[in-house]
All heavy atoms as atom14 arrays in JSON, in Angstrom:
{
  "sequence": "DLPTTGFAGCSSHQYARKHSPWTNFTNVPASTNRPWSAFPADYNQ",
  "atom14_mask": [
    [1, 1, 1, 1, 1, 1, 1, 1, 0, 0, 0, 0, 0, 0],
    [1, 1, 1, 1, 1, 1, 1, 1, 0, 0, 0, 0, 0, 0],
    [1, 1, 1, 1, 1, 1, 1, 0, 0, 0, 0, 0, 0, 0],
    [1, 1, 1, 1, 1, 1, 1, 0, 0, 0, 0, 0, 0, 0],
    [1, 1, 1, 1, 1, 1, 1, 0, 0, 0, 0, 0, 0, 0],
    [1, 1, 1, 1, 0, 0, 0, 0, 0, 0, 0, 0, 0, 0],
    [1, 1, 1, 1, 1, 1, 1, 1, 1, 1, 1, 0, 0, 0],
    [1, 1, 1, 1, 1, 0, 0, 0, 0, 0, 0, 0, 0, 0],
    [1, 1, 1, 1, 0, 0, 0, 0, 0, 0, 0, 0, 0, 0],
    [1, 1, 1, 1, 1, 1, 0, 0, 0, 0, 0, 0, 0, 0],
    [1, 1, 1, 1, 1, 1, 0, 0, 0, 0, 0, 0, 0, 0],
    [1, 1, 1, 1, 1, 1, 0, 0, 0, 0, 0, 0, 0, 0],
    [1, 1, 1, 1, 1, 1, 1, 1, 1, 1, 0, 0, 0, 0],
    [1, 1, 1, 1, 1, 1, 1, 1, 1, 0, 0, 0, 0, 0],
    [1, 1, 1, 1, 1, 1, 1, 1, 1, 1, 1, 1, 0, 0],
    [1, 1, 1, 1, 1, 0, 0, 0, 0, 0, 0, 0, 0, 0],
    [1, 1, 1, 1, 1, 1, 1, 1, 1, 1, 1, 0, 0, 0],
    [1, 1, 1, 1, 1, 1, 1, 1, 1, 0, 0, 0, 0, 0],
    [1, 1, 1, 1, 1, 1, 1, 1, 1, 1, 0, 0, 0, 0],
    [1, 1, 1, 1, 1, 1, 0, 0, 0, 0, 0, 0, 0, 0],
    [1, 1, 1, 1, 1, 1, 1, 0, 0, 0, 0, 0, 0, 0],
    [1, 1, 1, 1, 1, 1, 1, 1, 1, 1, 1, 1, 1, 1],
    [1, 1, 1, 1, 1, 1, 1, 0, 0, 0, 0, 0, 0, 0],
    [1, 1, 1, 1, 1, 1, 1, 1, 0, 0, 0, 0, 0, 0],
    [1, 1, 1, 1, 1, 1, 1, 1, 1, 1, 1, 0, 0, 0],
    [1, 1, 1, 1, 1, 1, 1, 0, 0, 0, 0, 0, 0, 0],
    [1, 1, 1, 1, 1, 1, 1, 1, 0, 0, 0, 0, 0, 0],
    [1, 1, 1, 1, 1, 1, 1, 0, 0, 0, 0, 0, 0, 0],
    [1, 1, 1, 1, 1, 1, 1, 0, 0, 0, 0, 0, 0, 0],
    [1, 1, 1, 1, 1, 0, 0, 0, 0, 0, 0, 0, 0, 0],
    [1, 1, 1, 1, 1, 1, 0, 0, 0, 0, 0, 0, 0, 0],
    [1, 1, 1, 1, 1, 1, 1, 0, 0, 0, 0, 0, 0, 0],
    [1, 1, 1, 1, 1, 1, 1, 1, 0, 0, 0, 0, 0, 0],
    [1, 1, 1, 1, 1, 1, 1, 1, 1, 1, 1, 0, 0, 0],
    [1, 1, 1, 1, 1, 1, 1, 0, 0, 0, 0, 0, 0, 0],
    [1, 1, 1, 1, 1, 1, 1, 1, 1, 1, 1, 1, 1, 1],
    [1, 1, 1, 1, 1, 1, 0, 0, 0, 0, 0, 0, 0, 0],
    [1, 1, 1, 1, 1, 0, 0, 0, 0, 0, 0, 0, 0, 0],
    [1, 1, 1, 1, 1, 1, 1, 1, 1, 1, 1, 0, 0, 0],
    [1, 1, 1, 1, 1, 1, 1, 0, 0, 0, 0, 0, 0, 0],
    [1, 1, 1, 1, 1, 0, 0, 0, 0, 0, 0, 0, 0, 0],
    [1, 1, 1, 1, 1, 1, 1, 1, 0, 0, 0, 0, 0, 0],
    [1, 1, 1, 1, 1, 1, 1, 1, 1, 1, 1, 1, 0, 0],
    [1, 1, 1, 1, 1, 1, 1, 1, 0, 0, 0, 0, 0, 0],
    [1, 1, 1, 1, 1, 1, 1, 1, 1, 0, 0, 0, 0, 0]
  ],
  "atom14_positions": [
    [[26.36, 2.92, -25.78], [25.28, 2.39, -26.59], [24.48, 3.47, -27.38], [23.51, 3.11, -28.0], [24.31, 1.52, -25.76], [24.89, 0.14, -25.49], [25.91, -0.25, -26.06], [24.25, -0.58, -24.66], [0.0, 0.0, 0.0], [0.0, 0.0, 0.0], [0.0, 0.0, 0.0], [0.0, 0.0, 0.0], [0.0, 0.0, 0.0], [0.0, 0.0, 0.0]],
    [[24.9, 4.71, -27.28], [24.32, 5.71, -28.15], [24.69, 5.34, -29.57], [25.88, 5.18, -29.9], [24.85, 7.12, -27.82], [24.27, 8.26, -28.64], [22.84, 8.55, -28.18], [25.11, 9.54, -28.47], [0.0, 0.0, 0.0], [0.0, 0.0, 0.0], [0.0, 0.0, 0.0], [0.0, 0.0, 0.0], [0.0, 0.0, 0.0], [0.0, 0.0, 0.0]],
    [[23.71, 5.12, -30.48], [24.07, 4.54, -31.81], [24.8, 5.51, -32.71], [25.68, 5.08, -33.45], [22.71, 4.16, -32.37], [21.72, 4.98, -31.68], [22.27, 5.25, -30.3], [0.0, 0.0, 0.0], [0.0, 0.0, 0.0], [0.0, 0.0, 0.0], [0.0, 0.0, 0.0], [0.0, 0.0, 0.0], [0.0, 0.0, 0.0], [0.0, 0.0, 0.0]],
    [[24.51, 6.83, -32.67], [25.16, 7.78, -33.52], [25.19, 9.13, -32.82], [24.39, 9.4, -31.93], [24.39, 7.95, -34.84], [23.04, 8.42, -34.54], [24.35, 6.67, -35.67], [0.0, 0.0, 0.0], [0.0, 0.0, 0.0], [0.0, 0.0, 0.0], [0.0, 0.0, 0.0], [0.0, 0.0, 0.0], [0.0, 0.0, 0.0], [0.0, 0.0, 0.0]],
    [[26.14, 9.98, -33.25], [26.21, 11.34, -32.72], [24.86, 12.02, -33.03], [24.34, 11.95, -34.13], [27.34, 12.09, -33.41], [28.55, 11.47, -33.01], [27.39, 13.56, -32.95], [0.0, 0.0, 0.0], [0.0, 0.0, 0.0], [0.0, 0.0, 0.0], [0.0, 0.0, 0.0], [0.0, 0.0, 0.0], [0.0, 0.0, 0.0], [0.0, 0.0, 0.0]],
    [[24.33, 12.71, -32.0], [23.1, 13.46, -32.18], [21.82, 12.62, -32.12], [20.73, 13.15, -32.28], [0.0, 0.0, 0.0], [0.0, 0.0, 0.0], [0.0, 0.0, 0.0], [0.0, 0.0, 0.0], [0.0, 0.0, 0.0], [0.0, 0.0, 0.0], [0.0, 0.0, 0.0], [0.0, 0.0, 0.0], [0.0, 0.0, 0.0], [0.0, 0.0, 0.0]],
    [[21.94, 11.32, -31.85], [20.72, 10.46, -31.79], [19.74, 11.07, -30.82], [20.05, 11.42, -29.7], [21.19, 9.08, -31.34], [20.01, 8.1, -31.15], [19.38, 7.53, -32.24], [19.58, 7.78, -29.86], [18.34, 6.64, -32.09], [18.56, 6.86, -29.71], [17.92, 6.29, -30.81], [0.0, 0.0, 0.0], [0.0, 0.0, 0.0], [0.0, 0.0, 0.0]],
    [[18.47, 11.23, -31.28], [17.45, 11.84, -30.46], [16.35, 10.87, -30.01], [15.35, 11.28, -29.43], [16.81, 12.99, -31.2], [0.0, 0.0, 0.0], [0.0, 0.0, 0.0], [0.0, 0.0, 0.0], [0.0, 0.0, 0.0], [0.0, 0.0, 0.0], [0.0, 0.0, 0.0], [0.0, 0.0, 0.0], [0.0, 0.0, 0.0], [0.0, 0.0, 0.0]],
    [[16.54, 9.61, -30.29], [15.57, 8.61, -29.87], [15.59, 8.42, -28.35], [16.48, 8.84, -27.67], [0.0, 0.0, 0.0], [0.0, 0.0, 0.0], [0.0, 0.0, 0.0], [0.0, 0.0, 0.0], [0.0, 0.0, 0.0], [0.0, 0.0, 0.0], [0.0, 0.0, 0.0], [0.0, 0.0, 0.0], [0.0, 0.0, 0.0], [0.0, 0.0, 0.0]],
    [[14.57, 7.73, -27.85], [14.44, 7.54, -26.44], [15.32, 6.4, -25.93], [15.71, 6.43, -24.74], [12.98, 7.31, -26.04], [11.95, 8.77, -26.34], [0.0, 0.0, 0.0], [0.0, 0.0, 0.0], [0.0, 0.0, 0.0], [0.0, 0.0, 0.0], [0.0, 0.0, 0.0], [0.0, 0.0, 0.0], [0.0, 0.0, 0.0], [0.0, 0.0, 0.0]],
    [[15.64, 5.44, -26.73], [16.49, 4.36, -26.29], [17.08, 3.64, -27.5], [16.6, 3.75, -28.65], [15.69, 3.34, -25.43], [14.65, 2.78, -26.2], [0.0, 0.0, 0.0], [0.0, 0.0, 0.0], [0.0, 0.0, 0.0], [0.0, 0.0, 0.0], [0.0, 0.0, 0.0], [0.0, 0.0, 0.0], [0.0, 0.0, 0.0], [0.0, 0.0, 0.0]],
    [[18.13, 2.93, -27.23], [18.83, 2.07, -28.21], [19.67, 1.07, -27.44], [20.53, 1.51, -26.65], [19.67, 2.88, -29.16], [20.34, 2.08, -30.07], [0.0, 0.0, 0.0], [0.0, 0.0, 0.0], [0.0, 0.0, 0.0], [0.0, 0.0, 0.0], [0.0, 0.0, 0.0], [0.0, 0.0, 0.0], [0.0, 0.0, 0.0], [0.0, 0.0, 0.0]],
    [[19.38, -0.19, -27.6], [20.06, -1.21, -26.85], [19.93, -0.85, -25.36], [18.82, -0.77, -24.85], [21.51, -1.39, -27.31], [21.65, -1.74, -28.73], [21.35, -3.01, -29.24], [21.98, -0.98, -29.84], [21.53, -2.96, -30.55], [21.88, -1.81, -30.95], [0.0, 0.0, 0.0], [0.0, 0.0, 0.0], [0.0, 0.0, 0.0], [0.0, 0.0, 0.0]],
    [[21.04, -0.63, -24.65], [20.98, -0.28, -23.23], [21.2, 1.22, -22.97], [21.41, 1.63, -21.85], [21.94, -1.09, -22.43], [21.63, -2.59, -22.36], [20.32, -2.81, -21.61], [20.06, -2.21, -20.56], [19.48, -3.65, -22.16], [0.0, 0.0, 0.0], [0.0, 0.0, 0.0], [0.0, 0.0, 0.0], [0.0, 0.0, 0.0], [0.0, 0.0, 0.0]],
    [[21.14, 2.06, -24.06], [21.19, 3.49, -23.89], [19.82, 4.02, -23.55], [18.81, 3.55, -24.12], [21.68, 4.14, -25.21], [21.37, 5.64, -25.25], [22.22, 6.56, -24.63], [20.29, 6.14, -25.97], [21.96, 7.92, -24.63], [20.03, 7.53, -25.99], [20.88, 8.38, -25.36], [20.64, 9.72, -25.37], [0.0, 0.0, 0.0], [0.0, 0.0, 0.0]],
    [[19.75, 4.95, -22.62], [18.45, 5.58, -22.26], [18.6, 7.08, -22.29], [19.4, 7.65, -21.57], [18.01, 5.12, -20.87], [0.0, 0.0, 0.0], [0.0, 0.0, 0.0], [0.0, 0.0, 0.0], [0.0, 0.0, 0.0], [0.0, 0.0, 0.0], [0.0, 0.0, 0.0], [0.0, 0.0, 0.0], [0.0, 0.0, 0.0], [0.0, 0.0, 0.0]],
    [[17.85, 7.78, -23.17], [17.93, 9.19, -23.28], [17.69, 9.9, -21.95], [18.22, 11.01, -21.7], [16.89, 9.69, -24.33], [16.8, 11.17, -24.49], [15.9, 11.56, -25.64], [15.54, 12.95, -25.6], [15.04, 13.57, -26.64], [14.79, 12.92, -27.77], [14.74, 14.85, -26.55], [0.0, 0.0, 0.0], [0.0, 0.0, 0.0], [0.0, 0.0, 0.0]],
    [[16.89, 9.32, -21.05], [16.61, 9.96, -19.74], [17.87, 10.23, -18.95], [17.91, 11.04, -18.04], [15.64, 9.09, -18.95], [16.21, 7.73, -18.5], [15.13, 6.93, -17.78], [15.66, 5.58, -17.37], [14.65, 4.85, -16.67], [0.0, 0.0, 0.0], [0.0, 0.0, 0.0], [0.0, 0.0, 0.0], [0.0, 0.0, 0.0], [0.0, 0.0, 0.0]],
    [[18.98, 9.53, -19.26], [20.25, 9.8, -18.61], [21.16, 10.76, -19.38], [22.3, 11.0, -19.03], [20.98, 8.46, -18.37], [20.24, 7.6, -17.44], [20.2, 6.21, -17.59], [19.53, 7.88, -16.31], [19.45, 5.73, -16.58], [19.01, 6.72, -15.84], [0.0, 0.0, 0.0], [0.0, 0.0, 0.0], [0.0, 0.0, 0.0], [0.0, 0.0, 0.0]],
    [[20.62, 11.34, -20.42], [21.31, 12.29, -21.28], [20.47, 13.53, -21.47], [20.0, 13.83, -22.56], [21.63, 11.67, -22.66], [22.36, 10.44, -22.5], [0.0, 0.0, 0.0], [0.0, 0.0, 0.0], [0.0, 0.0, 0.0], [0.0, 0.0, 0.0], [0.0, 0.0, 0.0], [0.0, 0.0, 0.0], [0.0, 0.0, 0.0], [0.0, 0.0, 0.0]],
    [[20.31, 14.34, -20.41], [19.36, 15.41, -20.47], [19.69, 16.51, -21.49], [18.78, 17.18, -21.98], [19.38, 15.99, -19.05], [20.68, 15.54, -18.46], [20.98, 14.21, -19.13], [0.0, 0.0, 0.0], [0.0, 0.0, 0.0], [0.0, 0.0, 0.0], [0.0, 0.0, 0.0], [0.0, 0.0, 0.0], [0.0, 0.0, 0.0], [0.0, 0.0, 0.0]],
    [[20.95, 16.71, -21.86], [21.31, 17.72, -22.8], [20.62, 17.52, -24.15], [20.44, 18.47, -24.92], [22.83, 17.77, -23.0], [23.4, 16.38, -23.05], [23.5, 15.59, -24.15], [23.83, 15.65, -21.94], [23.99, 14.36, -23.78], [24.22, 14.35, -22.41], [23.92, 15.88, -20.58], [24.68, 13.36, -21.59], [24.38, 14.86, -19.77], [24.78, 13.63, -20.25]],
    [[20.22, 16.25, -24.41], [19.51, 15.93, -25.63], [18.18, 16.66, -25.75], [17.71, 16.92, -26.85], [19.29, 14.4, -25.73], [20.51, 13.75, -25.55], [18.68, 13.97, -27.0], [0.0, 0.0, 0.0], [0.0, 0.0, 0.0], [0.0, 0.0, 0.0], [0.0, 0.0, 0.0], [0.0, 0.0, 0.0], [0.0, 0.0, 0.0], [0.0, 0.0, 0.0]],
    [[17.61, 17.01, -24.59], [16.32, 17.66, -24.57], [16.36, 19.19, -24.76], [15.26, 19.75, -24.94], [15.63, 17.36, -23.23], [15.42, 15.85, -23.04], [14.9, 15.19, -23.91], [15.73, 15.38, -21.88], [0.0, 0.0, 0.0], [0.0, 0.0, 0.0], [0.0, 0.0, 0.0], [0.0, 0.0, 0.0], [0.0, 0.0, 0.0], [0.0, 0.0, 0.0]],
    [[17.55, 19.76, -24.79], [17.64, 21.2, -24.89], [17.91, 21.66, -26.32], [18.89, 21.24, -26.92], [18.74, 21.75, -23.96], [18.36, 21.66, -22.49], [18.62, 20.48, -21.75], [17.76, 22.75, -21.87], [18.24, 20.43, -20.41], [17.41, 22.66, -20.54], [17.66, 21.53, -19.83], [0.0, 0.0, 0.0], [0.0, 0.0, 0.0], [0.0, 0.0, 0.0]],
    [[17.08, 22.56, -26.82], [17.25, 23.03, -28.2], [18.43, 23.98, -28.31], [18.88, 24.26, -29.42], [15.98, 23.75, -28.65], [15.72, 24.87, -27.78], [14.79, 22.83, -28.69], [0.0, 0.0, 0.0], [0.0, 0.0, 0.0], [0.0, 0.0, 0.0], [0.0, 0.0, 0.0], [0.0, 0.0, 0.0], [0.0, 0.0, 0.0], [0.0, 0.0, 0.0]],
    [[18.96, 24.49, -27.18], [20.11, 25.42, -27.24], [21.44, 24.72, -27.02], [22.46, 25.36, -26.76], [19.9, 26.57, -26.27], [19.63, 26.09, -24.85], [19.66, 24.91, -24.53], [19.38, 27.03, -23.95], [0.0, 0.0, 0.0], [0.0, 0.0, 0.0], [0.0, 0.0, 0.0], [0.0, 0.0, 0.0], [0.0, 0.0, 0.0], [0.0, 0.0, 0.0]],
    [[21.44, 23.39, -27.1], [22.68, 22.6, -27.06], [22.73, 21.82, -28.38], [21.8, 21.04, -28.66], [22.72, 21.68, -25.85], [23.95, 20.82, -25.85], [22.64, 22.47, -24.55], [0.0, 0.0, 0.0], [0.0, 0.0, 0.0], [0.0, 0.0, 0.0], [0.0, 0.0, 0.0], [0.0, 0.0, 0.0], [0.0, 0.0, 0.0], [0.0, 0.0, 0.0]],
    [[23.76, 21.99, -29.16], [23.81, 21.28, -30.43], [23.73, 19.79, -30.29], [24.35, 19.18, -29.36], [25.15, 21.71, -31.03], [25.54, 22.95, -30.3], [24.95, 22.86, -28.97], [0.0, 0.0, 0.0], [0.0, 0.0, 0.0], [0.0, 0.0, 0.0], [0.0, 0.0, 0.0], [0.0, 0.0, 0.0], [0.0, 0.0, 0.0], [0.0, 0.0, 0.0]],
    [[23.02, 19.13, -31.17], [22.88, 17.66, -31.14], [24.29, 17.03, -31.25], [24.53, 15.94, -30.73], [22.01, 17.18, -32.27], [0.0, 0.0, 0.0], [0.0, 0.0, 0.0], [0.0, 0.0, 0.0], [0.0, 0.0, 0.0], [0.0, 0.0, 0.0], [0.0, 0.0, 0.0], [0.0, 0.0, 0.0], [0.0, 0.0, 0.0], [0.0, 0.0, 0.0]],
    [[25.22, 17.71, -31.88], [26.57, 17.16, -32.06], [27.35, 16.97, -30.75], [28.38, 16.28, -30.75], [27.38, 18.04, -33.01], [27.51, 19.36, -32.43], [0.0, 0.0, 0.0], [0.0, 0.0, 0.0], [0.0, 0.0, 0.0], [0.0, 0.0, 0.0], [0.0, 0.0, 0.0], [0.0, 0.0, 0.0], [0.0, 0.0, 0.0], [0.0, 0.0, 0.0]],
    [[26.85, 17.54, -29.66], [27.53, 17.37, -28.39], [27.14, 16.04, -27.72], [27.76, 15.61, -26.77], [27.19, 18.51, -27.38], [25.77, 18.5, -27.07], [27.64, 19.85, -27.91], [0.0, 0.0, 0.0], [0.0, 0.0, 0.0], [0.0, 0.0, 0.0], [0.0, 0.0, 0.0], [0.0, 0.0, 0.0], [0.0, 0.0, 0.0], [0.0, 0.0, 0.0]],
    [[26.11, 15.38, -28.25], [25.65, 14.1, -27.74], [26.32, 12.99, -28.59], [25.95, 12.71, -29.71], [24.1, 13.99, -27.89], [23.56, 12.83, -27.17], [24.09, 12.33, -26.21], [22.43, 12.34, -27.67], [0.0, 0.0, 0.0], [0.0, 0.0, 0.0], [0.0, 0.0, 0.0], [0.0, 0.0, 0.0], [0.0, 0.0, 0.0], [0.0, 0.0, 0.0]],
    [[27.41, 12.42, -28.05], [28.26, 11.52, -28.8], [28.3, 10.11, -28.22], [28.19, 9.95, -27.02], [29.66, 12.15, -28.8], [29.64, 13.57, -29.37], [30.98, 14.26, -29.31], [31.85, 13.6, -30.24], [33.16, 13.77, -30.24], [33.73, 14.55, -29.32], [33.92, 13.14, -31.12], [0.0, 0.0, 0.0], [0.0, 0.0, 0.0], [0.0, 0.0, 0.0]],
    [[28.54, 9.13, -29.06], [28.68, 7.78, -28.57], [29.93, 7.59, -27.77], [30.93, 8.34, -27.94], [28.78, 6.93, -29.9], [28.41, 7.83, -31.0], [28.59, 9.24, -30.54], [0.0, 0.0, 0.0], [0.0, 0.0, 0.0], [0.0, 0.0, 0.0], [0.0, 0.0, 0.0], [0.0, 0.0, 0.0], [0.0, 0.0, 0.0], [0.0, 0.0, 0.0]],
    [[29.92, 6.61, -26.87], [31.12, 6.33, -26.06], [32.36, 6.1, -26.93], [33.47, 6.46, -26.57], [30.84, 5.16, -25.1], [32.07, 4.76, -24.36], [32.71, 3.56, -24.41], [32.78, 5.51, -23.4], [33.81, 3.55, -23.6], [33.87, 4.79, -22.97], [32.63, 6.8, -22.9], [34.79, 5.21, -22.04], [33.55, 7.29, -21.97], [34.62, 6.51, -21.58]],
    [[32.16, 5.49, -28.1], [33.29, 5.2, -29.0], [34.0, 6.46, -29.42], [35.15, 6.41, -29.89], [32.79, 4.39, -30.22], [31.84, 5.19, -30.93], [0.0, 0.0, 0.0], [0.0, 0.0, 0.0], [0.0, 0.0, 0.0], [0.0, 0.0, 0.0], [0.0, 0.0, 0.0], [0.0, 0.0, 0.0], [0.0, 0.0, 0.0], [0.0, 0.0, 0.0]],
    [[33.42, 7.64, -29.28], [34.04, 8.9, -29.65], [34.86, 9.49, -28.52], [35.55, 10.49, -28.71], [32.96, 9.91, -30.12], [0.0, 0.0, 0.0], [0.0, 0.0, 0.0], [0.0, 0.0, 0.0], [0.0, 0.0, 0.0], [0.0, 0.0, 0.0], [0.0, 0.0, 0.0], [0.0, 0.0, 0.0], [0.0, 0.0, 0.0], [0.0, 0.0, 0.0]],
    [[34.85, 8.89, -27.34], [35.65, 9.37, -26.24], [37.11, 9.32, -26.64], [37.64, 8.26, -27.02], [35.41, 8.53, -24.98], [35.91, 9.15, -23.71], [35.21, 10.16, -23.09], [37.1, 8.69, -23.13], [35.65, 10.71, -21.9], [37.57, 9.25, -21.97], [36.86, 10.29, -21.34], [0.0, 0.0, 0.0], [0.0, 0.0, 0.0], [0.0, 0.0, 0.0]],
    [[37.79, 10.46, -26.59], [39.17, 10.48, -27.13], [40.19, 9.7, -26.31], [40.13, 9.68, -25.07], [39.52, 11.97, -27.09], [38.64, 12.58, -26.08], [37.39, 11.76, -26.05], [0.0, 0.0, 0.0], [0.0, 0.0, 0.0], [0.0, 0.0, 0.0], [0.0, 0.0, 0.0], [0.0, 0.0, 0.0], [0.0, 0.0, 0.0], [0.0, 0.0, 0.0]],
    [[41.07, 9.03, -26.98], [42.2, 8.33, -26.33], [43.22, 9.33, -25.82], [43.86, 9.06, -24.83], [42.84, 7.36, -27.31], [0.0, 0.0, 0.0], [0.0, 0.0, 0.0], [0.0, 0.0, 0.0], [0.0, 0.0, 0.0], [0.0, 0.0, 0.0], [0.0, 0.0, 0.0], [0.0, 0.0, 0.0], [0.0, 0.0, 0.0], [0.0, 0.0, 0.0]],
    [[43.3, 10.48, -26.5], [44.2, 11.55, -25.98], [43.31, 12.48, -25.21], [42.5, 13.28, -25.73], [44.78, 12.27, -27.22], [45.61, 13.51, -26.8], [45.71, 13.81, -25.62], [46.14, 14.14, -27.73], [0.0, 0.0, 0.0], [0.0, 0.0, 0.0], [0.0, 0.0, 0.0], [0.0, 0.0, 0.0], [0.0, 0.0, 0.0], [0.0, 0.0, 0.0]],
    [[43.42, 12.39, -23.87], [42.54, 13.15, -22.98], [42.73, 14.63, -23.1], [41.88, 15.42, -22.68], [42.72, 12.69, -21.53], [42.47, 11.2, -21.37], [43.37, 10.41, -20.69], [41.34, 10.6, -21.94], [43.13, 9.01, -20.56], [41.11, 9.24, -21.78], [42.0, 8.46, -21.1], [41.77, 7.12, -20.94], [0.0, 0.0, 0.0], [0.0, 0.0, 0.0]],
    [[43.83, 15.11, -23.7], [43.98, 16.54, -23.96], [42.94, 17.04, -24.95], [42.74, 18.27, -25.04], [45.41, 16.82, -24.5], [46.46, 16.68, -23.45], [46.42, 17.33, -22.4], [47.44, 15.78, -23.73], [0.0, 0.0, 0.0], [0.0, 0.0, 0.0], [0.0, 0.0, 0.0], [0.0, 0.0, 0.0], [0.0, 0.0, 0.0], [0.0, 0.0, 0.0]],
    [[42.32, 16.14, -25.64], [41.3, 16.51, -26.65], [39.87, 16.59, -26.06], [38.97, 16.89, -26.81], [41.32, 15.51, -27.8], [42.67, 15.42, -28.53], [43.08, 16.77, -29.08], [42.34, 17.45, -29.74], [44.34, 17.13, -28.8], [0.0, 0.0, 0.0], [0.0, 0.0, 0.0], [0.0, 0.0, 0.0], [0.0, 0.0, 0.0], [0.0, 0.0, 0.0]]
  ]
}
């Protein structure tokens, strides 16, 4: 339910930022916070 890569809002639908602590760190790129739909089908990736 994360709406977009790098989303920094507190919630969206049933997504809750409180369960995604990396979002709070300025030394972790926002691009590492990805929607479930981006989970690769090829697990080698």
